[in-house]
Amino acid sequence: EAIVCGVAVLPVVLFWIEFTAWTTLNPIG
């Protein structure tokens, strides 16, 4: 179940990593 949840959340984590690197918004935005 740890592997299942890890695989399921992986696309979301990758998206957040890419989004964080891409965005140039100020801290509030």
ModelCIF file with pLDDT and N, C-alpha, C, O atoms, coordinates in Angstrom:
data_MODEL
#
_entry.id   MODEL 
#
_entity.id                         1 
_entity.type                       polymer 
_entity.pdbx_number_of_molecules   1 
#
_entity_poly.entity_id                      1 
_entity_poly.type                           'polypeptide(L)' 
_entity_poly.nstd_linkage                   no 
_entity_poly.nstd_monomer                   no 
_entity_poly.pdbx_seq_one_letter_code       EAIVCGVAVLPVVLFWIEFTAWTTLNPIG 
_entity_poly.pdbx_seq_one_letter_code_can   EAIVCGVAVLPVVLFWIEFTAWTTLNPIG 
_entity_poly.pdbx_strand_id                 A 
#
loop_
_entity_poly_seq.entity_id 
_entity_poly_seq.num 
_entity_poly_seq.mon_id 
_entity_poly_seq.hetero 
1 1  GLU n 
1 2  ALA n 
1 3  ILE n 
1 4  VAL n 
1 5  CYS n 
1 6  GLY n 
1 7  VAL n 
1 8  ALA n 
1 9  VAL n 
1 10 LEU n 
1 11 PRO n 
1 12 VAL n 
1 13 VAL n 
1 14 LEU n 
1 15 PHE n 
1 16 TRP n 
1 17 ILE n 
1 18 GLU n 
1 19 PHE n 
1 20 THR n 
1 21 ALA n 
1 22 TRP n 
1 23 THR n 
1 24 THR n 
1 25 LEU n 
1 26 ASN n 
1 27 PRO n 
1 28 ILE n 
1 29 GLY n 
#
_struct_asym.id          A 
_struct_asym.entity_id   1 
#
loop_
_ma_qa_metric.id 
_ma_qa_metric.mode 
_ma_qa_metric.name 
_ma_qa_metric.software_group_id 
_ma_qa_metric.type 
1 global pLDDT . pLDDT 
2 local  pLDDT . pLDDT 
#
_ma_qa_metric_global.metric_id      1 
_ma_qa_metric_global.metric_value   87.66 
_ma_qa_metric_global.model_id       1 
_ma_qa_metric_global.ordinal_id     1 
#
loop_
_ma_qa_metric_local.label_asym_id 
_ma_qa_metric_local.label_comp_id 
_ma_qa_metric_local.label_seq_id 
_ma_qa_metric_local.metric_id 
_ma_qa_metric_local.metric_value 
_ma_qa_metric_local.model_id 
_ma_qa_metric_local.ordinal_id 
A GLU 1  2 97.00 1 1  
A ALA 2  2 97.00 1 2  
A ILE 3  2 97.00 1 3  
A VAL 4  2 97.00 1 4  
A CYS 5  2 97.00 1 5  
A GLY 6  2 97.00 1 6  
A VAL 7  2 97.00 1 7  
A ALA 8  2 97.00 1 8  
A VAL 9  2 96.00 1 9  
A LEU 10 2 96.00 1 10 
A PRO 11 2 95.00 1 11 
A VAL 12 2 94.00 1 12 
A VAL 13 2 94.00 1 13 
A LEU 14 2 94.00 1 14 
A PHE 15 2 91.00 1 15 
A TRP 16 2 88.00 1 16 
A ILE 17 2 87.00 1 17 
A GLU 18 2 86.00 1 18 
A PHE 19 2 82.00 1 19 
A THR 20 2 81.00 1 20 
A ALA 21 2 80.00 1 21 
A TRP 22 2 80.00 1 22 
A THR 23 2 74.00 1 23 
A THR 24 2 71.00 1 24 
A LEU 25 2 68.00 1 25 
A ASN 26 2 76.00 1 26 
A PRO 27 2 77.00 1 27 
A ILE 28 2 80.00 1 28 
A GLY 29 2 76.00 1 29 
#
loop_
_atom_site.group_PDB 
_atom_site.id 
_atom_site.type_symbol 
_atom_site.label_atom_id 
_atom_site.label_alt_id 
_atom_site.label_comp_id 
_atom_site.label_asym_id 
_atom_site.label_entity_id 
_atom_site.label_seq_id 
_atom_site.pdbx_PDB_ins_code 
_atom_site.Cartn_x 
_atom_site.Cartn_y 
_atom_site.Cartn_z 
_atom_site.occupancy 
_atom_site.B_iso_or_equiv 
_atom_site.pdbx_formal_charge 
_atom_site.auth_seq_id 
_atom_site.auth_comp_id 
_atom_site.auth_asym_id 
_atom_site.auth_atom_id 
_atom_site.pdbx_PDB_model_num 
ATOM 1   N N  . GLU A 1 1  ? 0.817  -1.205 0.000   1.00 97.00 ? 1  GLU A N  1 
ATOM 2   C CA . GLU A 1 1  ? 0.000  0.000  0.000   1.00 97.00 ? 1  GLU A CA 1 
ATOM 3   C C  . GLU A 1 1  ? 0.857  1.263  0.000   1.00 97.00 ? 1  GLU A C  1 
ATOM 4   O O  . GLU A 1 1  ? 0.445  2.285  -0.550  1.00 97.00 ? 1  GLU A O  1 
ATOM 5   N N  . ALA A 1 2  ? 2.046  1.208  0.611   1.00 97.00 ? 2  ALA A N  1 
ATOM 6   C CA . ALA A 1 2  ? 2.957  2.352  0.541   1.00 97.00 ? 2  ALA A CA 1 
ATOM 7   C C  . ALA A 1 2  ? 3.412  2.580  -0.896  1.00 97.00 ? 2  ALA A C  1 
ATOM 8   O O  . ALA A 1 2  ? 3.497  3.720  -1.353  1.00 97.00 ? 2  ALA A O  1 
ATOM 9   N N  . ILE A 1 3  ? 3.706  1.488  -1.609  1.00 97.00 ? 3  ILE A N  1 
ATOM 10  C CA . ILE A 1 3  ? 4.113  1.611  -3.012  1.00 97.00 ? 3  ILE A CA 1 
ATOM 11  C C  . ILE A 1 3  ? 2.960  2.125  -3.860  1.00 97.00 ? 3  ILE A C  1 
ATOM 12  O O  . ILE A 1 3  ? 3.144  3.000  -4.705  1.00 97.00 ? 3  ILE A O  1 
ATOM 13  N N  . VAL A 1 4  ? 1.766  1.577  -3.630  1.00 97.00 ? 4  VAL A N  1 
ATOM 14  C CA . VAL A 1 4  ? 0.586  2.003  -4.392  1.00 97.00 ? 4  VAL A CA 1 
ATOM 15  C C  . VAL A 1 4  ? 0.338  3.502  -4.206  1.00 97.00 ? 4  VAL A C  1 
ATOM 16  O O  . VAL A 1 4  ? 0.148  4.227  -5.183  1.00 97.00 ? 4  VAL A O  1 
ATOM 17  N N  . CYS A 1 5  ? 0.341  3.960  -2.960  1.00 97.00 ? 5  CYS A N  1 
ATOM 18  C CA . CYS A 1 5  ? 0.111  5.386  -2.705  1.00 97.00 ? 5  CYS A CA 1 
ATOM 19  C C  . CYS A 1 5  ? 1.249  6.242  -3.275  1.00 97.00 ? 5  CYS A C  1 
ATOM 20  O O  . CYS A 1 5  ? 1.016  7.341  -3.780  1.00 97.00 ? 5  CYS A O  1 
ATOM 21  N N  . GLY A 1 6  ? 2.483  5.726  -3.188  1.00 97.00 ? 6  GLY A N  1 
ATOM 22  C CA . GLY A 1 6  ? 3.611  6.463  -3.743  1.00 97.00 ? 6  GLY A CA 1 
ATOM 23  C C  . GLY A 1 6  ? 3.510  6.621  -5.248  1.00 97.00 ? 6  GLY A C  1 
ATOM 24  O O  . GLY A 1 6  ? 3.756  7.701  -5.785  1.00 97.00 ? 6  GLY A O  1 
ATOM 25  N N  . VAL A 1 7  ? 3.142  5.530  -5.935  1.00 97.00 ? 7  VAL A N  1 
ATOM 26  C CA . VAL A 1 7  ? 2.978  5.606  -7.394  1.00 97.00 ? 7  VAL A CA 1 
ATOM 27  C C  . VAL A 1 7  ? 1.822  6.532  -7.758  1.00 97.00 ? 7  VAL A C  1 
ATOM 28  O O  . VAL A 1 7  ? 1.912  7.284  -8.728  1.00 97.00 ? 7  VAL A O  1 
ATOM 29  N N  . ALA A 1 8  ? 0.733  6.480  -6.983  1.00 97.00 ? 8  ALA A N  1 
ATOM 30  C CA . ALA A 1 8  ? -0.431 7.315  -7.277  1.00 97.00 ? 8  ALA A CA 1 
ATOM 31  C C  . ALA A 1 8  ? -0.137 8.800  -7.092  1.00 97.00 ? 8  ALA A C  1 
ATOM 32  O O  . ALA A 1 8  ? -0.650 9.632  -7.839  1.00 97.00 ? 8  ALA A O  1 
ATOM 33  N N  . VAL A 1 9  ? 0.682  9.134  -6.106  1.00 96.00 ? 9  VAL A N  1 
ATOM 34  C CA . VAL A 1 9  ? 0.964  10.542 -5.833  1.00 96.00 ? 9  VAL A CA 1 
ATOM 35  C C  . VAL A 1 9  ? 2.129  11.066 -6.670  1.00 96.00 ? 9  VAL A C  1 
ATOM 36  O O  . VAL A 1 9  ? 2.345  12.276 -6.732  1.00 96.00 ? 9  VAL A O  1 
ATOM 37  N N  . LEU A 1 10 ? 2.880  10.175 -7.313  1.00 96.00 ? 10 LEU A N  1 
ATOM 38  C CA . LEU A 1 10 ? 4.064  10.592 -8.069  1.00 96.00 ? 10 LEU A CA 1 
ATOM 39  C C  . LEU A 1 10 ? 3.756  11.621 -9.149  1.00 96.00 ? 10 LEU A C  1 
ATOM 40  O O  . LEU A 1 10 ? 4.463  12.626 -9.221  1.00 96.00 ? 10 LEU A O  1 
ATOM 41  N N  . PRO A 1 11 ? 2.732  11.429 -10.005 1.00 95.00 ? 11 PRO A N  1 
ATOM 42  C CA . PRO A 1 11 ? 2.449  12.463 -11.018 1.00 95.00 ? 11 PRO A CA 1 
ATOM 43  C C  . PRO A 1 11 ? 2.153  13.823 -10.409 1.00 95.00 ? 11 PRO A C  1 
ATOM 44  O O  . PRO A 1 11 ? 2.536  14.852 -10.966 1.00 95.00 ? 11 PRO A O  1 
ATOM 45  N N  . VAL A 1 12 ? 1.473  13.833 -9.270  1.00 94.00 ? 12 VAL A N  1 
ATOM 46  C CA . VAL A 1 12 ? 1.158  15.104 -8.615  1.00 94.00 ? 12 VAL A CA 1 
ATOM 47  C C  . VAL A 1 12 ? 2.429  15.777 -8.103  1.00 94.00 ? 12 VAL A C  1 
ATOM 48  O O  . VAL A 1 12 ? 2.600  16.987 -8.253  1.00 94.00 ? 12 VAL A O  1 
ATOM 49  N N  . VAL A 1 13 ? 3.314  14.991 -7.501  1.00 94.00 ? 13 VAL A N  1 
ATOM 50  C CA . VAL A 1 13 ? 4.573  15.545 -6.985  1.00 94.00 ? 13 VAL A CA 1 
ATOM 51  C C  . VAL A 1 13 ? 5.418  16.098 -8.125  1.00 94.00 ? 13 VAL A C  1 
ATOM 52  O O  . VAL A 1 13 ? 5.979  17.188 -8.010  1.00 94.00 ? 13 VAL A O  1 
ATOM 53  N N  . LEU A 1 14 ? 5.513  15.355 -9.225  1.00 94.00 ? 14 LEU A N  1 
ATOM 54  C CA . LEU A 1 14 ? 6.292  15.830 -10.377 1.00 94.00 ? 14 LEU A CA 1 
ATOM 55  C C  . LEU A 1 14 ? 5.712  17.131 -10.930 1.00 94.00 ? 14 LEU A C  1 
ATOM 56  O O  . LEU A 1 14 ? 6.453  18.039 -11.305 1.00 94.00 ? 14 LEU A O  1 
ATOM 57  N N  . PHE A 1 15 ? 4.379  17.213 -10.978 1.00 91.00 ? 15 PHE A N  1 
ATOM 58  C CA . PHE A 1 15 ? 3.749  18.448 -11.448 1.00 91.00 ? 15 PHE A CA 1 
ATOM 59  C C  . PHE A 1 15 ? 4.103  19.615 -10.542 1.00 91.00 ? 15 PHE A C  1 
ATOM 60  O O  . PHE A 1 15 ? 4.438  20.695 -11.028 1.00 91.00 ? 15 PHE A O  1 
ATOM 61  N N  . TRP A 1 16 ? 4.033  19.413 -9.224  1.00 88.00 ? 16 TRP A N  1 
ATOM 62  C CA . TRP A 1 16 ? 4.335  20.499 -8.296  1.00 88.00 ? 16 TRP A CA 1 
ATOM 63  C C  . TRP A 1 16 ? 5.793  20.932 -8.400  1.00 88.00 ? 16 TRP A C  1 
ATOM 64  O O  . TRP A 1 16 ? 6.104  22.118 -8.295  1.00 88.00 ? 16 TRP A O  1 
ATOM 65  N N  . ILE A 1 17 ? 6.682  19.967 -8.607  1.00 87.00 ? 17 ILE A N  1 
ATOM 66  C CA . ILE A 1 17 ? 8.096  20.321 -8.764  1.00 87.00 ? 17 ILE A CA 1 
ATOM 67  C C  . ILE A 1 17 ? 8.300  21.176 -10.011 1.00 87.00 ? 17 ILE A C  1 
ATOM 68  O O  . ILE A 1 17 ? 8.991  22.194 -9.972  1.00 87.00 ? 17 ILE A O  1 
ATOM 69  N N  . GLU A 1 18 ? 7.691  20.750 -11.118 1.00 86.00 ? 18 GLU A N  1 
ATOM 70  C CA . GLU A 1 18 ? 7.812  21.510 -12.359 1.00 86.00 ? 18 GLU A CA 1 
ATOM 71  C C  . GLU A 1 18 ? 7.136  22.872 -12.238 1.00 86.00 ? 18 GLU A C  1 
ATOM 72  O O  . GLU A 1 18 ? 7.664  23.872 -12.724 1.00 86.00 ? 18 GLU A O  1 
ATOM 73  N N  . PHE A 1 19 ? 5.992  22.917 -11.605 1.00 82.00 ? 19 PHE A N  1 
ATOM 74  C CA . PHE A 1 19 ? 5.276  24.178 -11.449 1.00 82.00 ? 19 PHE A CA 1 
ATOM 75  C C  . PHE A 1 19 ? 6.072  25.153 -10.590 1.00 82.00 ? 19 PHE A C  1 
ATOM 76  O O  . PHE A 1 19 ? 6.141  26.344 -10.895 1.00 82.00 ? 19 PHE A O  1 
ATOM 77  N N  . THR A 1 20 ? 6.671  24.647 -9.517  1.00 81.00 ? 20 THR A N  1 
ATOM 78  C CA . THR A 1 20 ? 7.464  25.505 -8.638  1.00 81.00 ? 20 THR A CA 1 
ATOM 79  C C  . THR A 1 20 ? 8.667  26.080 -9.372  1.00 81.00 ? 20 THR A C  1 
ATOM 80  O O  . THR A 1 20 ? 9.015  27.249 -9.201  1.00 81.00 ? 20 THR A O  1 
ATOM 81  N N  . ALA A 1 21 ? 9.301  25.233 -10.199 1.00 80.00 ? 21 ALA A N  1 
ATOM 82  C CA . ALA A 1 21 ? 10.471 25.712 -10.947 1.00 80.00 ? 21 ALA A CA 1 
ATOM 83  C C  . ALA A 1 21 ? 10.079 26.697 -12.039 1.00 80.00 ? 21 ALA A C  1 
ATOM 84  O O  . ALA A 1 21 ? 10.859 27.584 -12.383 1.00 80.00 ? 21 ALA A O  1 
ATOM 85  N N  . TRP A 1 22 ? 8.876  26.548 -12.587 1.00 80.00 ? 22 TRP A N  1 
ATOM 86  C CA . TRP A 1 22 ? 8.453  27.376 -13.724 1.00 80.00 ? 22 TRP A CA 1 
ATOM 87  C C  . TRP A 1 22 ? 7.870  28.717 -13.309 1.00 80.00 ? 22 TRP A C  1 
ATOM 88  O O  . TRP A 1 22 ? 8.083  29.722 -13.987 1.00 80.00 ? 22 TRP A O  1 
ATOM 89  N N  . THR A 1 23 ? 7.131  28.742 -12.193 1.00 74.00 ? 23 THR A N  1 
ATOM 90  C CA . THR A 1 23 ? 6.418  29.958 -11.829 1.00 74.00 ? 23 THR A CA 1 
ATOM 91  C C  . THR A 1 23 ? 7.368  31.062 -11.378 1.00 74.00 ? 23 THR A C  1 
ATOM 92  O O  . THR A 1 23 ? 8.387  30.804 -10.738 1.00 74.00 ? 23 THR A O  1 
ATOM 93  N N  . THR A 1 24 ? 7.015  32.289 -11.725 1.00 71.00 ? 24 THR A N  1 
ATOM 94  C CA . THR A 1 24 ? 7.810  33.465 -11.320 1.00 71.00 ? 24 THR A CA 1 
ATOM 95  C C  . THR A 1 24 ? 6.972  34.418 -10.472 1.00 71.00 ? 24 THR A C  1 
ATOM 96  O O  . THR A 1 24 ? 7.307  35.596 -10.348 1.00 71.00 ? 24 THR A O  1 
ATOM 97  N N  . LEU A 1 25 ? 5.885  33.913 -9.888  1.00 68.00 ? 25 LEU A N  1 
ATOM 98  C CA . LEU A 1 25 ? 5.018  34.749 -9.080  1.00 68.00 ? 25 LEU A CA 1 
ATOM 99  C C  . LEU A 1 25 ? 5.713  35.170 -7.789  1.00 68.00 ? 25 LEU A C  1 
ATOM 100 O O  . LEU A 1 25 ? 6.642  34.508 -7.325  1.00 68.00 ? 25 LEU A O  1 
ATOM 101 N N  . ASN A 1 26 ? 5.251  36.275 -7.218  1.00 76.00 ? 26 ASN A N  1 
ATOM 102 C CA . ASN A 1 26 ? 5.755  36.688 -5.913  1.00 76.00 ? 26 ASN A CA 1 
ATOM 103 C C  . ASN A 1 26 ? 5.215  35.732 -4.851  1.00 76.00 ? 26 ASN A C  1 
ATOM 104 O O  . ASN A 1 26 ? 4.310  34.951 -5.144  1.00 76.00 ? 26 ASN A O  1 
ATOM 105 N N  . PRO A 1 27 ? 5.741  35.771 -3.631  1.00 77.00 ? 27 PRO A N  1 
ATOM 106 C CA . PRO A 1 27 ? 5.314  34.799 -2.615  1.00 77.00 ? 27 PRO A CA 1 
ATOM 107 C C  . PRO A 1 27 ? 3.814  34.769 -2.371  1.00 77.00 ? 27 PRO A C  1 
ATOM 108 O O  . PRO A 1 27 ? 3.250  33.693 -2.170  1.00 77.00 ? 27 PRO A O  1 
ATOM 109 N N  . ILE A 1 28 ? 3.159  35.913 -2.382  1.00 80.00 ? 28 ILE A N  1 
ATOM 110 C CA . ILE A 1 28 ? 1.713  35.928 -2.144  1.00 80.00 ? 28 ILE A CA 1 
ATOM 111 C C  . ILE A 1 28 ? 0.976  35.286 -3.309  1.00 80.00 ? 28 ILE A C  1 
ATOM 112 O O  . ILE A 1 28 ? 0.056  34.495 -3.104  1.00 80.00 ? 28 ILE A O  1 
ATOM 113 N N  . GLY A 1 29 ? 1.380  35.627 -4.537  1.00 76.00 ? 29 GLY A N  1 
ATOM 114 C CA . GLY A 1 29 ? 0.749  35.026 -5.706  1.00 76.00 ? 29 GLY A CA 1 
ATOM 115 C C  . GLY A 1 29 ? 0.987  33.530 -5.775  1.00 76.00 ? 29 GLY A C  1 
ATOM 116 O O  . GLY A 1 29 ? 0.519  32.873 -6.704  1.00 76.00 ? 29 GLY A O  1 
#
